[in-house]
Amino acid sequence: MHTLSRTSSPIISLAVAAVLLLSGGAAVALPPLPTYTCLKAHTRPVIDGRLEEAIWAFTPEMRLVDCTTGAAPRQTTKIKLLWDNNYLYVGGLVYEVDIQDSNRKHGDIVFEEACFEVYLAHPMGLPTDDSQPWRYLEVDVSPKGYIFSNRVTNHVSRFSPSSVSRKWEGEDYYPPDLRAATRIIGTVNDSSDTDCGWWFEMQIPLTGPPRGWPPCVREGCLRETWRMNLSRVRAQGKSDQEIQAWSSTGAGHFHVPRRLGYLRFADYPYWPWP
């Protein structure tokens, strides 16, 4: 099985109570870790990239921020989540004035271009002390709807309990019911015009492999708090590159596990008032 790895030295120090970013010689405290309460889908959404079902219309929305500072980004990304006993559903709208995507199939390294990424950690994948790595699922989708998915082992703790590192190892994870669909509003790979953006839907199965992560969503998950981050890269490698995240990391990348926000599951759907 193909194994992917990224390696670099530690990047930034973390305090216990707050994460500090050194910018221009000044220490800037990042926002507190966010929390999202994921409502239960009373009907399964159709994964077609359109988000036209009523359950999406009444699902709470979150927006991504600048990954490094937590400030508002130049181009908006809106995200909604739902769950049922089998899947986590992720839907969103990515505003983009120039949509580029050269990927050709699932499994391509879509994160080297513009994409949307989900990082999901069940409590079983969290370290109990600083000698253990973090384990989480990464699922990325490109504007054309191509998926890259890995079960990640992040060895941040091998360097220092107070450091962040990009050193992680990934193992391909493509269950047959992992699905994504997109709808592009504009033209792909054509910089001569101005695009609007792209919609996407993802269906992430939460029945895990024998190793136990990510495990099955079960009734007990209502008493658990998972860890999660959502991210986006646009105009990668260009002068106007923008890196966004739901939980800002204080670094120009997303594999900062201590900055994973909190995901909680509700056992009720959202019903609008009449």
Protein backbone atom coordinates (compact mmCIF):
# COMPACT_ATOMS: atom_id res chain seq x y z
CA MET A 1 0.00 0.00 0.00
CA HIS A 2 1.33 3.40 -0.96
CA THR A 3 2.62 5.47 1.93
CA LEU A 4 2.97 9.23 1.74
CA SER A 5 5.11 11.26 4.09
CA ARG A 6 5.98 14.93 4.63
CA THR A 7 8.92 15.93 6.77
CA SER A 8 10.25 19.20 8.13
CA SER A 9 11.64 20.59 11.38
CA PRO A 10 9.49 21.94 14.21
CA ILE A 11 7.84 25.23 13.30
CA ILE A 12 6.19 26.93 16.23
CA SER A 13 5.91 26.60 20.02
CA LEU A 14 2.63 26.13 21.81
CA ALA A 15 1.78 27.21 25.33
CA VAL A 16 -0.62 25.17 27.39
CA ALA A 17 -3.32 27.82 27.66
CA ALA A 18 -2.92 29.63 24.34
CA VAL A 19 -1.16 29.34 21.02
CA LEU A 20 1.19 32.21 20.20
CA LEU A 21 2.26 33.29 16.74
CA LEU A 22 5.45 35.30 16.31
CA SER A 23 4.66 37.89 13.66
CA GLY A 24 6.83 40.92 13.10
CA GLY A 25 8.41 40.40 16.49
CA ALA A 26 5.09 40.60 18.33
CA ALA A 27 3.30 37.69 19.98
CA VAL A 28 -0.29 37.32 18.84
CA ALA A 29 -2.71 35.00 20.64
CA LEU A 30 -4.80 32.85 18.32
CA PRO A 31 -8.55 32.50 18.88
CA PRO A 32 -9.81 29.77 21.21
CA LEU A 33 -10.43 26.40 19.61
CA PRO A 34 -13.86 26.44 17.95
CA THR A 35 -16.67 23.95 18.60
CA TYR A 36 -19.26 22.73 16.10
CA THR A 37 -22.40 20.83 17.08
CA CYS A 38 -23.20 18.45 14.24
CA LEU A 39 -26.93 17.81 13.83
CA LYS A 40 -28.34 14.45 12.82
CA ALA A 41 -29.68 14.04 9.29
CA HIS A 42 -33.24 12.74 9.39
CA THR A 43 -32.93 11.96 5.66
CA ARG A 44 -29.74 11.09 3.80
CA PRO A 45 -28.64 13.89 1.46
CA VAL A 46 -28.02 13.07 -2.19
CA ILE A 47 -24.30 13.48 -2.87
CA ASP A 48 -24.53 15.50 -6.08
CA GLY A 49 -22.75 18.73 -5.21
CA ARG A 50 -25.93 20.79 -5.17
CA LEU A 51 -26.97 21.01 -1.48
CA GLU A 52 -30.60 21.54 -2.47
CA GLU A 53 -32.27 19.39 0.19
CA ALA A 54 -34.12 21.18 2.97
CA ILE A 55 -31.88 19.61 5.62
CA TRP A 56 -28.94 21.60 4.28
CA ALA A 57 -30.93 24.84 4.25
CA PHE A 58 -31.54 24.61 8.01
CA THR A 59 -28.11 23.33 9.03
CA PRO A 60 -25.84 25.74 10.98
CA GLU A 61 -23.06 27.22 8.87
CA MET A 62 -19.42 27.86 9.71
CA ARG A 63 -16.88 29.93 7.79
CA LEU A 64 -13.16 29.47 7.35
CA VAL A 65 -10.65 32.09 8.49
CA ASP A 66 -7.03 32.85 7.71
CA CYS A 67 -5.07 29.78 8.77
CA THR A 68 -2.20 31.73 10.29
CA THR A 69 -3.91 34.62 12.05
CA GLY A 70 -7.62 33.81 12.35
CA ALA A 71 -8.54 36.97 10.42
CA ALA A 72 -11.30 37.09 7.79
CA PRO A 73 -10.10 35.75 4.41
CA ARG A 74 -10.26 37.56 1.09
CA GLN A 75 -12.54 34.92 -0.46
CA THR A 76 -15.27 33.24 1.57
CA THR A 77 -15.67 29.52 2.27
CA LYS A 78 -18.96 28.35 3.86
CA ILE A 79 -19.27 24.86 5.37
CA LYS A 80 -22.06 22.74 6.91
CA LEU A 81 -21.95 19.30 8.54
CA LEU A 82 -24.52 16.58 9.21
CA TRP A 83 -24.26 13.00 10.42
CA ASP A 84 -26.21 9.77 10.67
CA ASN A 85 -25.38 6.29 11.95
CA ASN A 86 -23.16 5.60 8.94
CA TYR A 87 -21.67 8.80 7.59
CA LEU A 88 -20.45 12.30 8.20
CA TYR A 89 -21.76 14.64 5.49
CA VAL A 90 -19.81 17.76 4.61
CA GLY A 91 -21.22 20.37 2.27
CA GLY A 92 -19.97 23.77 1.30
CA LEU A 93 -19.54 26.67 -1.06
CA VAL A 94 -16.05 27.75 -2.06
CA TYR A 95 -15.85 31.22 -3.59
CA GLU A 96 -13.10 31.34 -6.23
CA VAL A 97 -12.48 33.78 -9.06
CA ASP A 98 -10.10 31.49 -10.98
CA ILE A 99 -10.79 27.76 -10.58
CA GLN A 100 -7.79 25.57 -11.41
CA ASP A 101 -7.68 21.77 -11.18
CA SER A 102 -5.32 19.56 -13.17
CA ASN A 103 -6.15 16.34 -11.29
CA ARG A 104 -7.37 13.40 -13.37
CA LYS A 105 -8.47 10.71 -10.92
CA HIS A 106 -9.14 9.81 -7.29
CA GLY A 107 -5.91 9.37 -5.38
CA ASP A 108 -4.10 12.19 -7.14
CA ILE A 109 -2.27 14.53 -4.78
CA VAL A 110 -5.01 17.14 -4.86
CA PHE A 111 -3.55 19.13 -1.95
CA GLU A 112 -0.80 20.41 -4.25
CA GLU A 113 -3.47 22.58 -5.87
CA ALA A 114 -6.66 24.32 -4.80
CA CYS A 115 -8.79 21.93 -2.73
CA PHE A 116 -10.92 21.55 0.38
CA GLU A 117 -9.67 19.34 3.23
CA VAL A 118 -11.24 17.62 6.25
CA TYR A 119 -9.22 16.45 9.27
CA LEU A 120 -11.14 14.19 11.63
CA ALA A 121 -9.91 12.53 14.84
CA HIS A 122 -11.91 10.17 17.02
CA PRO A 123 -10.91 10.14 20.72
CA MET A 124 -9.29 6.74 20.13
CA GLY A 125 -6.79 8.48 17.85
CA LEU A 126 -5.79 11.13 20.39
CA PRO A 127 -2.59 10.71 22.41
CA THR A 128 -2.85 10.17 26.12
CA ASP A 129 0.66 11.52 26.71
CA ASP A 130 3.41 13.26 24.76
CA SER A 131 5.13 10.02 23.81
CA GLN A 132 2.27 9.06 21.49
CA PRO A 133 1.41 10.39 18.01
CA TRP A 134 -1.87 11.89 16.89
CA ARG A 135 -3.99 9.81 14.50
CA TYR A 136 -6.65 11.33 12.29
CA LEU A 137 -8.35 10.96 8.94
CA GLU A 138 -7.65 13.40 6.11
CA VAL A 139 -10.05 13.63 3.17
CA ASP A 140 -9.43 16.21 0.44
CA VAL A 141 -11.62 17.05 -2.56
CA SER A 142 -10.63 19.03 -5.65
CA PRO A 143 -12.95 21.33 -7.64
CA LYS A 144 -13.52 18.52 -10.15
CA GLY A 145 -14.56 16.19 -7.32
CA TYR A 146 -11.44 14.03 -7.13
CA ILE A 147 -10.61 12.65 -3.67
CA PHE A 148 -7.36 12.15 -1.80
CA SER A 149 -7.78 10.31 1.50
CA ASN A 150 -5.27 9.18 4.14
CA ARG A 151 -5.21 7.84 7.67
CA VAL A 152 -2.57 10.10 9.18
CA THR A 153 -0.12 9.39 11.97
CA ASN A 154 1.41 12.68 13.10
CA HIS A 155 4.60 12.27 15.16
CA VAL A 156 4.63 15.81 16.52
CA SER A 157 5.38 14.58 20.02
CA ARG A 158 8.66 12.98 18.92
CA PHE A 159 10.19 16.44 18.77
CA SER A 160 8.85 18.21 21.84
CA PRO A 161 5.60 18.37 23.79
CA SER A 162 5.48 22.09 23.00
CA SER A 163 6.26 22.01 19.29
CA VAL A 164 4.44 21.58 16.01
CA SER A 165 5.83 19.65 13.07
CA ARG A 166 4.84 18.68 9.58
CA LYS A 167 6.35 15.24 10.07
CA TRP A 168 3.52 12.84 9.42
CA GLU A 169 2.91 9.58 7.64
CA GLY A 170 -0.19 8.69 5.69
CA GLU A 171 -1.76 5.40 4.66
CA ASP A 172 -4.21 5.31 1.78
CA TYR A 173 -7.82 4.96 2.90
CA TYR A 174 -10.44 4.64 0.15
CA PRO A 175 -13.50 2.70 1.34
CA PRO A 176 -15.98 2.09 -1.50
CA ASP A 177 -18.64 4.38 -0.03
CA LEU A 178 -16.33 7.38 0.39
CA ARG A 179 -17.87 9.82 -2.05
CA ALA A 180 -17.68 13.43 -3.18
CA ALA A 181 -19.42 15.50 -5.81
CA THR A 182 -18.92 19.08 -6.93
CA ARG A 183 -20.72 21.69 -9.02
CA ILE A 184 -18.56 24.34 -10.65
CA ILE A 185 -19.87 27.84 -11.23
CA GLY A 186 -17.48 29.03 -13.90
CA THR A 187 -14.86 27.39 -16.10
CA VAL A 188 -11.96 25.23 -14.93
CA ASN A 189 -8.39 25.98 -15.98
CA ASP A 190 -9.32 29.14 -17.86
CA SER A 191 -7.85 32.32 -16.39
CA SER A 192 -9.25 34.52 -19.15
CA ASP A 193 -12.62 34.83 -17.40
CA THR A 194 -13.86 35.38 -13.84
CA ASP A 195 -15.39 32.41 -12.00
CA CYS A 196 -17.78 32.42 -9.05
CA GLY A 197 -16.69 29.28 -7.22
CA TRP A 198 -17.74 25.67 -6.61
CA TRP A 199 -20.16 23.73 -4.44
CA PHE A 200 -19.23 20.36 -2.96
CA GLU A 201 -20.68 17.51 -0.94
CA MET A 202 -18.75 14.73 0.78
CA GLN A 203 -19.92 11.47 2.30
CA ILE A 204 -17.29 10.17 4.73
CA PRO A 205 -17.96 6.66 6.06
CA LEU A 206 -17.32 6.38 9.75
CA THR A 207 -17.04 2.62 9.94
CA GLY A 208 -13.35 2.27 10.50
CA PRO A 209 -10.74 -0.36 9.70
CA PRO A 210 -9.71 -3.02 12.21
CA ARG A 211 -7.17 -0.68 13.79
CA GLY A 212 -10.08 1.20 15.28
CA TRP A 213 -9.63 4.65 13.79
CA PRO A 214 -11.76 6.13 12.53
CA PRO A 215 -14.27 3.83 14.24
CA CYS A 216 -17.97 3.49 13.60
CA VAL A 217 -20.24 6.31 14.63
CA ARG A 218 -22.46 4.69 17.22
CA GLU A 219 -24.86 5.85 19.90
CA GLY A 220 -21.95 6.29 22.26
CA CYS A 221 -20.51 9.05 20.10
CA LEU A 222 -23.11 11.38 21.60
CA ARG A 223 -21.04 11.29 24.77
CA GLU A 224 -17.74 11.83 22.96
CA THR A 225 -15.97 14.90 21.70
CA TRP A 226 -14.10 14.41 18.46
CA ARG A 227 -11.41 16.72 17.08
CA MET A 228 -11.67 18.30 13.64
CA ASN A 229 -10.33 20.92 11.32
CA LEU A 230 -11.49 22.07 7.90
CA SER A 231 -9.21 23.84 5.49
CA ARG A 232 -8.80 25.26 2.04
CA VAL A 233 -5.94 26.38 -0.17
CA ARG A 234 -6.57 28.74 -3.08
CA ALA A 235 -4.19 30.11 -5.72
CA GLN A 236 -1.50 27.76 -4.43
CA GLY A 237 2.00 28.88 -5.34
CA LYS A 238 0.80 32.24 -6.69
CA SER A 239 1.34 35.72 -5.31
CA ASP A 240 -2.23 35.86 -4.01
CA GLN A 241 -2.15 32.40 -2.36
CA GLU A 242 -4.58 32.10 0.52
CA ILE A 243 -4.63 29.39 3.19
CA GLN A 244 -7.82 29.08 5.23
CA ALA A 245 -8.93 26.92 8.15
CA TRP A 246 -11.88 26.53 10.49
CA SER A 247 -9.48 26.51 13.43
CA SER A 248 -6.50 28.75 12.73
CA THR A 249 -3.19 27.00 13.40
CA GLY A 250 -0.70 29.85 13.73
CA ALA A 251 1.33 28.29 10.92
CA GLY A 252 1.11 28.21 7.15
CA HIS A 253 -0.11 24.62 7.12
CA PHE A 254 -2.84 22.44 8.61
CA HIS A 255 -1.08 19.52 10.29
CA VAL A 256 -1.05 21.16 13.71
CA PRO A 257 -3.04 18.59 15.70
CA ARG A 258 -3.25 20.59 18.92
CA ARG A 259 -5.25 23.18 16.96
CA LEU A 260 -7.93 20.70 15.87
CA GLY A 261 -11.26 22.15 16.99
CA TYR A 262 -14.04 20.26 18.78
CA LEU A 263 -16.78 18.29 17.01
CA ARG A 264 -19.84 17.23 18.98
CA PHE A 265 -22.79 15.17 17.76
CA ALA A 266 -26.41 16.01 18.48
CA ASP A 267 -29.12 13.35 18.35
CA TYR A 268 -31.74 15.71 16.91
CA PRO A 269 -32.24 17.40 13.52
CA TYR A 270 -32.84 21.10 13.11
CA TRP A 271 -36.46 21.96 12.42
CA PRO A 272 -37.31 25.53 11.36
CA TRP A 273 -39.97 27.43 13.25
CA PRO A 274 -43.23 27.75 11.28
